[in-house]
């Protein structure tokens, strides 16, 4: 969902999304998602 929102925002301001940019963002969001899950497991 977060990646979709990011893409929609980028499209609204007319920024070209290259494959490299998209790939980098996917990696960033994947890392953040895994980090959140790890933190949540530590709290439980």
C-alpha atoms as a PDB file:
ATOM      1  CA  UNK A   1       0.000   0.000   0.000  1.00  0.00           C
ATOM      2  CA  UNK A   2       2.775   2.452   0.876  1.00  0.00           C
ATOM      3  CA  UNK A   3       4.528   1.840  -2.428  1.00  0.00           C
ATOM      4  CA  UNK A   4       1.300   2.444  -4.332  1.00  0.00           C
ATOM      5  CA  UNK A   5       0.782   5.750  -2.535  1.00  0.00           C
ATOM      6  CA  UNK A   6       4.363   6.772  -3.294  1.00  0.00           C
ATOM      7  CA  UNK A   7       3.904   5.966  -6.998  1.00  0.00           C
ATOM      8  CA  UNK A   8       0.633   7.918  -7.140  1.00  0.00           C
ATOM      9  CA  UNK A   9       2.321  10.942  -5.526  1.00  0.00           C
ATOM     10  CA  UNK A  10       5.236  10.798  -7.956  1.00  0.00           C
ATOM     11  CA  UNK A  11       2.894  10.569 -10.940  1.00  0.00           C
ATOM     12  CA  UNK A  12       0.900  13.582  -9.703  1.00  0.00           C
ATOM     13  CA  UNK A  13       3.998  15.786  -9.788  1.00  0.00           C
ATOM     14  CA  UNK A  14       4.986  14.459 -13.233  1.00  0.00           C
ATOM     15  CA  UNK A  15       8.221  12.753 -12.221  1.00  0.00           C
ATOM     16  CA  UNK A  16       9.412  10.017 -14.542  1.00  0.00           C
ATOM     17  CA  UNK A  17       9.763   6.697 -12.717  1.00  0.00           C
ATOM     18  CA  UNK A  18      12.537   4.647 -14.257  1.00  0.00           C
ATOM     19  CA  UNK A  19      13.023   0.960 -13.594  1.00  0.00           C
ATOM     20  CA  UNK A  20      16.047   1.799 -11.441  1.00  0.00           C
ATOM     21  CA  UNK A  21      14.070   4.238  -9.289  1.00  0.00           C
ATOM     22  CA  UNK A  22      11.205   1.781  -8.880  1.00  0.00           C
ATOM     23  CA  UNK A  23      13.562  -1.069  -8.010  1.00  0.00           C
ATOM     24  CA  UNK A  24      15.308   1.079  -5.391  1.00  0.00           C
ATOM     25  CA  UNK A  25      11.997   2.087  -3.816  1.00  0.00           C
ATOM     26  CA  UNK A  26      10.813  -1.521  -3.702  1.00  0.00           C
ATOM     27  CA  UNK A  27      14.008  -2.471  -1.873  1.00  0.00           C
ATOM     28  CA  UNK A  28      13.601   0.426   0.565  1.00  0.00           C
ATOM     29  CA  UNK A  29       9.989  -0.446   1.367  1.00  0.00           C
ATOM     30  CA  UNK A  30      10.862  -4.138   1.699  1.00  0.00           C
ATOM     31  CA  UNK A  31      13.648  -3.305   4.140  1.00  0.00           C
ATOM     32  CA  UNK A  32      11.381  -1.025   6.172  1.00  0.00           C
ATOM     33  CA  UNK A  33       8.621  -3.627   6.270  1.00  0.00           C
ATOM     34  CA  UNK A  34      10.967  -6.353   7.518  1.00  0.00           C
ATOM     35  CA  UNK A  35      12.446  -3.970  10.068  1.00  0.00           C
ATOM     36  CA  UNK A  36       8.972  -3.181  11.447  1.00  0.00           C
ATOM     37  CA  UNK A  37       8.110  -6.859  11.719  1.00  0.00           C
ATOM     38  CA  UNK A  38      11.374  -7.513  13.535  1.00  0.00           C
ATOM     39  CA  UNK A  39      10.718  -4.679  15.991  1.00  0.00           C
ATOM     40  CA  UNK A  40       7.186  -5.928  16.622  1.00  0.00           C
ATOM     41  CA  UNK A  41       8.467  -9.424  17.400  1.00  0.00           C
ATOM     42  CA  UNK A  42      10.957  -8.019  19.900  1.00  0.00           C
ATOM     43  CA  UNK A  43       8.190  -6.190  21.777  1.00  0.00           C
ATOM     44  CA  UNK A  44       5.947  -9.264  22.150  1.00  0.00           C
END
